[in-house]
Amino acid sequence: MREDIHVLNKKEIKEKLKNIVGWKYKDNKISKELKFKDFLEALGFIDDLKDFFEKNDHHPDIHIFYNKVLFELTRWDVGGKVTDMDFITAKEIEKRYLRR
């Protein structure tokens, strides 16, 4: 496990969720479904994030439903728990979605 990763308790998760609209906590994951114009726009959005995911060594589960993309964030290397890295990643996804 990386030493710079902090596993969050439920109270910390609930507090951090107040700062990112529409994200939910369930089954030790934070998640949000985003909607796009079409399939290609959805794929392009994911493609634009790949370098961020790789650089930060944080790879979300991504489910594509034509023009909708569901991101699920958890850290498997700490036993499938929500960490501060999940919120860093969620904020980056949100920031890029809002400016597209």
N, C-alpha and C. Protein backbone atom coordinates (compact mmCIF):
# COMPACT_ATOMS: atom_id res chain seq x y z
N MET A 1 0.84 -1.19 0.00
CA MET A 1 0.00 0.00 0.00
C MET A 1 0.88 1.24 0.00
N ARG A 2 0.48 2.24 -0.76
CA ARG A 2 1.19 3.51 -0.76
C ARG A 2 0.98 4.20 0.57
N GLU A 3 2.02 4.80 1.08
CA GLU A 3 1.94 5.46 2.38
C GLU A 3 1.21 6.79 2.34
N ASP A 4 1.06 7.36 1.15
CA ASP A 4 0.41 8.67 1.03
C ASP A 4 -1.11 8.57 0.85
N ILE A 5 -1.65 7.37 0.97
CA ILE A 5 -3.09 7.16 0.82
C ILE A 5 -3.74 7.02 2.19
N HIS A 6 -4.79 7.81 2.39
CA HIS A 6 -5.52 7.78 3.66
C HIS A 6 -6.90 7.16 3.46
N VAL A 7 -7.15 6.05 4.14
CA VAL A 7 -8.47 5.41 4.10
C VAL A 7 -9.42 6.28 4.93
N LEU A 8 -10.58 6.57 4.37
CA LEU A 8 -11.55 7.44 5.02
C LEU A 8 -12.61 6.64 5.76
N ASN A 9 -13.03 7.16 6.90
CA ASN A 9 -14.15 6.53 7.61
C ASN A 9 -15.46 7.12 7.06
N LYS A 10 -16.59 6.56 7.45
CA LYS A 10 -17.89 6.98 6.90
C LYS A 10 -18.18 8.45 7.16
N LYS A 11 -17.79 8.93 8.31
CA LYS A 11 -18.01 10.35 8.63
C LYS A 11 -17.19 11.24 7.69
N GLU A 12 -15.95 10.89 7.44
CA GLU A 12 -15.11 11.67 6.53
C GLU A 12 -15.66 11.62 5.10
N ILE A 13 -16.13 10.46 4.69
CA ILE A 13 -16.70 10.31 3.35
C ILE A 13 -17.93 11.20 3.21
N LYS A 14 -18.81 11.15 4.19
CA LYS A 14 -20.03 11.96 4.16
C LYS A 14 -19.70 13.45 4.08
N GLU A 15 -18.70 13.87 4.82
CA GLU A 15 -18.29 15.27 4.81
C GLU A 15 -17.73 15.67 3.44
N LYS A 16 -16.90 14.84 2.86
CA LYS A 16 -16.29 15.14 1.56
C LYS A 16 -17.31 15.11 0.43
N LEU A 17 -18.35 14.29 0.56
CA LEU A 17 -19.39 14.23 -0.48
C LEU A 17 -20.14 15.56 -0.60
N LYS A 18 -20.13 16.36 0.45
CA LYS A 18 -20.80 17.66 0.40
C LYS A 18 -20.14 18.60 -0.61
N ASN A 19 -18.89 18.31 -0.96
CA ASN A 19 -18.12 19.20 -1.84
C ASN A 19 -18.11 18.77 -3.30
N ILE A 20 -18.76 17.66 -3.63
CA ILE A 20 -18.84 17.22 -5.03
C ILE A 20 -20.27 16.79 -5.33
N VAL A 21 -20.93 17.58 -6.10
CA VAL A 21 -22.36 17.42 -6.39
C VAL A 21 -22.64 16.13 -7.13
N GLY A 22 -23.64 15.40 -6.63
CA GLY A 22 -24.15 14.24 -7.34
C GLY A 22 -23.42 12.93 -7.10
N TRP A 23 -22.30 12.96 -6.41
CA TRP A 23 -21.58 11.73 -6.11
C TRP A 23 -22.25 11.06 -4.91
N LYS A 24 -22.27 9.72 -4.94
CA LYS A 24 -22.92 8.94 -3.88
C LYS A 24 -21.96 7.91 -3.31
N TYR A 25 -22.21 7.53 -2.07
CA TYR A 25 -21.41 6.50 -1.41
C TYR A 25 -22.29 5.28 -1.19
N LYS A 26 -21.82 4.12 -1.68
CA LYS A 26 -22.53 2.86 -1.48
C LYS A 26 -21.54 1.72 -1.73
N ASP A 27 -21.63 0.69 -0.94
CA ASP A 27 -20.82 -0.52 -1.11
C ASP A 27 -19.31 -0.21 -1.18
N ASN A 28 -18.87 0.66 -0.29
CA ASN A 28 -17.45 1.05 -0.21
C ASN A 28 -16.91 1.66 -1.51
N LYS A 29 -17.77 2.40 -2.20
CA LYS A 29 -17.39 3.11 -3.43
C LYS A 29 -18.08 4.46 -3.44
N ILE A 30 -17.45 5.42 -4.11
CA ILE A 30 -18.18 6.63 -4.45
C ILE A 30 -18.41 6.56 -5.96
N SER A 31 -19.57 7.04 -6.39
CA SER A 31 -19.91 6.89 -7.81
C SER A 31 -20.77 8.04 -8.31
N LYS A 32 -20.72 8.18 -9.62
CA LYS A 32 -21.60 9.15 -10.29
C LYS A 32 -21.74 8.73 -11.75
N GLU A 33 -22.96 8.91 -12.27
CA GLU A 33 -23.22 8.67 -13.68
C GLU A 33 -23.28 10.02 -14.40
N LEU A 34 -22.53 10.13 -15.49
CA LEU A 34 -22.49 11.35 -16.28
C LEU A 34 -23.13 11.08 -17.64
N LYS A 35 -23.80 12.09 -18.18
CA LYS A 35 -24.49 11.94 -19.46
C LYS A 35 -23.79 12.77 -20.53
N PHE A 36 -23.72 12.21 -21.74
CA PHE A 36 -23.06 12.84 -22.86
C PHE A 36 -24.00 12.89 -24.07
N LYS A 37 -23.58 13.62 -25.09
CA LYS A 37 -24.39 13.75 -26.31
C LYS A 37 -24.58 12.40 -26.98
N ASP A 38 -23.50 11.61 -27.05
CA ASP A 38 -23.57 10.32 -27.72
C ASP A 38 -22.41 9.43 -27.25
N PHE A 39 -22.30 8.27 -27.84
CA PHE A 39 -21.28 7.29 -27.47
C PHE A 39 -19.87 7.82 -27.68
N LEU A 40 -19.63 8.47 -28.81
CA LEU A 40 -18.29 8.96 -29.10
C LEU A 40 -17.85 10.06 -28.13
N GLU A 41 -18.77 10.92 -27.73
CA GLU A 41 -18.42 11.94 -26.74
C GLU A 41 -18.10 11.29 -25.40
N ALA A 42 -18.84 10.26 -25.03
CA ALA A 42 -18.57 9.55 -23.78
C ALA A 42 -17.18 8.91 -23.82
N LEU A 43 -16.86 8.25 -24.92
CA LEU A 43 -15.53 7.63 -25.06
C LEU A 43 -14.42 8.68 -25.06
N GLY A 44 -14.65 9.79 -25.73
CA GLY A 44 -13.67 10.87 -25.77
C GLY A 44 -13.38 11.42 -24.39
N PHE A 45 -14.42 11.54 -23.58
CA PHE A 45 -14.25 12.03 -22.21
C PHE A 45 -13.36 11.08 -21.41
N ILE A 46 -13.63 9.80 -21.51
CA ILE A 46 -12.81 8.81 -20.81
C ILE A 46 -11.37 8.86 -21.33
N ASP A 47 -11.22 8.96 -22.62
CA ASP A 47 -9.88 9.02 -23.22
C ASP A 47 -9.11 10.24 -22.71
N ASP A 48 -9.78 11.37 -22.56
CA ASP A 48 -9.13 12.57 -22.06
C ASP A 48 -8.65 12.42 -20.61
N LEU A 49 -9.25 11.52 -19.87
CA LEU A 49 -8.88 11.31 -18.46
C LEU A 49 -7.81 10.24 -18.26
N LYS A 50 -7.52 9.45 -19.27
CA LYS A 50 -6.63 8.30 -19.09
C LYS A 50 -5.27 8.68 -18.54
N ASP A 51 -4.68 9.78 -19.00
CA ASP A 51 -3.36 10.19 -18.51
C ASP A 51 -3.43 10.59 -17.03
N PHE A 52 -4.50 11.27 -16.64
CA PHE A 52 -4.68 11.62 -15.23
C PHE A 52 -4.76 10.35 -14.37
N PHE A 53 -5.59 9.40 -14.80
CA PHE A 53 -5.72 8.15 -14.05
C PHE A 53 -4.38 7.44 -13.91
N GLU A 54 -3.66 7.36 -15.00
CA GLU A 54 -2.38 6.64 -15.00
C GLU A 54 -1.34 7.37 -14.14
N LYS A 55 -1.24 8.69 -14.29
CA LYS A 55 -0.26 9.48 -13.53
C LYS A 55 -0.49 9.33 -12.03
N ASN A 56 -1.76 9.29 -11.63
CA ASN A 56 -2.10 9.20 -10.21
C ASN A 56 -2.26 7.78 -9.71
N ASP A 57 -2.00 6.81 -10.58
CA ASP A 57 -2.14 5.40 -10.22
C ASP A 57 -3.49 5.13 -9.56
N HIS A 58 -4.52 5.69 -10.19
CA HIS A 58 -5.87 5.48 -9.67
C HIS A 58 -6.80 5.27 -10.86
N HIS A 59 -7.29 4.04 -10.98
CA HIS A 59 -8.05 3.62 -12.15
C HIS A 59 -9.46 3.24 -11.73
N PRO A 60 -10.43 4.09 -12.03
CA PRO A 60 -11.81 3.79 -11.61
C PRO A 60 -12.41 2.65 -12.43
N ASP A 61 -13.42 2.03 -11.85
CA ASP A 61 -14.26 1.14 -12.64
C ASP A 61 -15.14 2.06 -13.49
N ILE A 62 -15.20 1.78 -14.78
CA ILE A 62 -15.94 2.63 -15.71
C ILE A 62 -16.93 1.75 -16.47
N HIS A 63 -18.20 2.12 -16.40
CA HIS A 63 -19.26 1.40 -17.10
C HIS A 63 -19.87 2.35 -18.13
N ILE A 64 -19.88 1.93 -19.39
CA ILE A 64 -20.41 2.76 -20.46
C ILE A 64 -21.76 2.21 -20.90
N PHE A 65 -22.76 3.09 -20.92
CA PHE A 65 -24.10 2.76 -21.36
C PHE A 65 -24.48 3.73 -22.48
N TYR A 66 -23.94 3.50 -23.66
CA TYR A 66 -24.10 4.34 -24.84
C TYR A 66 -23.65 5.78 -24.55
N ASN A 67 -24.55 6.66 -24.10
CA ASN A 67 -24.17 8.06 -23.85
C ASN A 67 -24.05 8.38 -22.37
N LYS A 68 -24.05 7.38 -21.54
CA LYS A 68 -23.88 7.57 -20.10
C LYS A 68 -22.65 6.78 -19.64
N VAL A 69 -21.94 7.37 -18.70
CA VAL A 69 -20.76 6.73 -18.14
C VAL A 69 -20.89 6.74 -16.62
N LEU A 70 -20.78 5.57 -16.02
CA LEU A 70 -20.80 5.44 -14.57
C LEU A 70 -19.37 5.23 -14.08
N PHE A 71 -18.91 6.14 -13.23
CA PHE A 71 -17.60 6.02 -12.60
C PHE A 71 -17.81 5.51 -11.18
N GLU A 72 -17.06 4.47 -10.81
CA GLU A 72 -17.07 3.94 -9.45
C GLU A 72 -15.64 3.97 -8.93
N LEU A 73 -15.45 4.62 -7.79
CA LEU A 73 -14.11 4.82 -7.25
C LEU A 73 -13.96 4.14 -5.89
N THR A 74 -12.90 3.36 -5.79
CA THR A 74 -12.49 2.71 -4.55
C THR A 74 -11.03 2.30 -4.73
N ARG A 75 -10.32 2.03 -3.65
CA ARG A 75 -8.92 1.59 -3.75
C ARG A 75 -8.85 0.12 -3.41
N TRP A 76 -8.54 -0.70 -4.41
CA TRP A 76 -8.46 -2.14 -4.19
C TRP A 76 -7.21 -2.52 -3.42
N ASP A 77 -6.16 -1.71 -3.51
CA ASP A 77 -4.91 -2.05 -2.81
C ASP A 77 -4.99 -1.82 -1.31
N VAL A 78 -6.10 -1.25 -0.83
CA VAL A 78 -6.33 -1.11 0.61
C VAL A 78 -7.57 -1.88 1.03
N GLY A 79 -7.93 -2.88 0.25
CA GLY A 79 -9.06 -3.73 0.60
C GLY A 79 -10.42 -3.23 0.14
N GLY A 80 -10.45 -2.44 -0.92
CA GLY A 80 -11.74 -1.95 -1.43
C GLY A 80 -12.36 -0.92 -0.52
N LYS A 81 -11.57 0.05 -0.11
CA LYS A 81 -12.05 1.13 0.77
C LYS A 81 -11.97 2.45 0.02
N VAL A 82 -12.74 3.42 0.48
CA VAL A 82 -12.70 4.77 -0.08
C VAL A 82 -11.57 5.53 0.59
N THR A 83 -10.78 6.22 -0.24
CA THR A 83 -9.62 6.96 0.27
C THR A 83 -9.66 8.40 -0.23
N ASP A 84 -8.71 9.17 0.26
CA ASP A 84 -8.58 10.54 -0.22
C ASP A 84 -8.31 10.58 -1.73
N MET A 85 -7.63 9.57 -2.26
CA MET A 85 -7.35 9.51 -3.70
C MET A 85 -8.64 9.38 -4.52
N ASP A 86 -9.64 8.73 -3.98
CA ASP A 86 -10.92 8.62 -4.68
C ASP A 86 -11.55 10.00 -4.85
N PHE A 87 -11.43 10.83 -3.84
CA PHE A 87 -12.01 12.17 -3.92
C PHE A 87 -11.19 13.08 -4.82
N ILE A 88 -9.89 12.93 -4.83
CA ILE A 88 -9.05 13.68 -5.77
C ILE A 88 -9.46 13.33 -7.20
N THR A 89 -9.65 12.05 -7.46
CA THR A 89 -10.04 11.59 -8.79
C THR A 89 -11.45 12.07 -9.14
N ALA A 90 -12.39 11.97 -8.19
CA ALA A 90 -13.76 12.42 -8.43
C ALA A 90 -13.80 13.91 -8.75
N LYS A 91 -13.01 14.70 -8.04
CA LYS A 91 -12.99 16.14 -8.30
C LYS A 91 -12.43 16.45 -9.68
N GLU A 92 -11.45 15.69 -10.12
CA GLU A 92 -10.89 15.90 -11.46
C GLU A 92 -11.91 15.51 -12.53
N ILE A 93 -12.60 14.40 -12.34
CA ILE A 93 -13.65 13.99 -13.28
C ILE A 93 -14.71 15.09 -13.35
N GLU A 94 -15.14 15.56 -12.20
CA GLU A 94 -16.18 16.59 -12.13
C GLU A 94 -15.72 17.89 -12.80
N LYS A 95 -14.50 18.30 -12.53
CA LYS A 95 -13.97 19.53 -13.11
C LYS A 95 -13.96 19.45 -14.63
N ARG A 96 -13.48 18.34 -15.16
CA ARG A 96 -13.42 18.18 -16.61
C ARG A 96 -14.80 18.06 -17.24
N TYR A 97 -15.73 17.42 -16.53
CA TYR A 97 -17.09 17.29 -17.05
C TYR A 97 -17.76 18.66 -17.14
N LEU A 98 -17.56 19.48 -16.14
CA LEU A 98 -18.21 20.79 -16.11
C LEU A 98 -17.64 21.76 -17.16
N ARG A 99 -16.40 21.57 -17.56
CA ARG A 99 -15.80 22.49 -18.53
C ARG A 99 -15.83 21.98 -19.98
N ARG A 100 -16.42 20.83 -20.20
CA ARG A 100 -16.45 20.29 -21.57
C ARG A 100 -17.38 21.06 -22.46
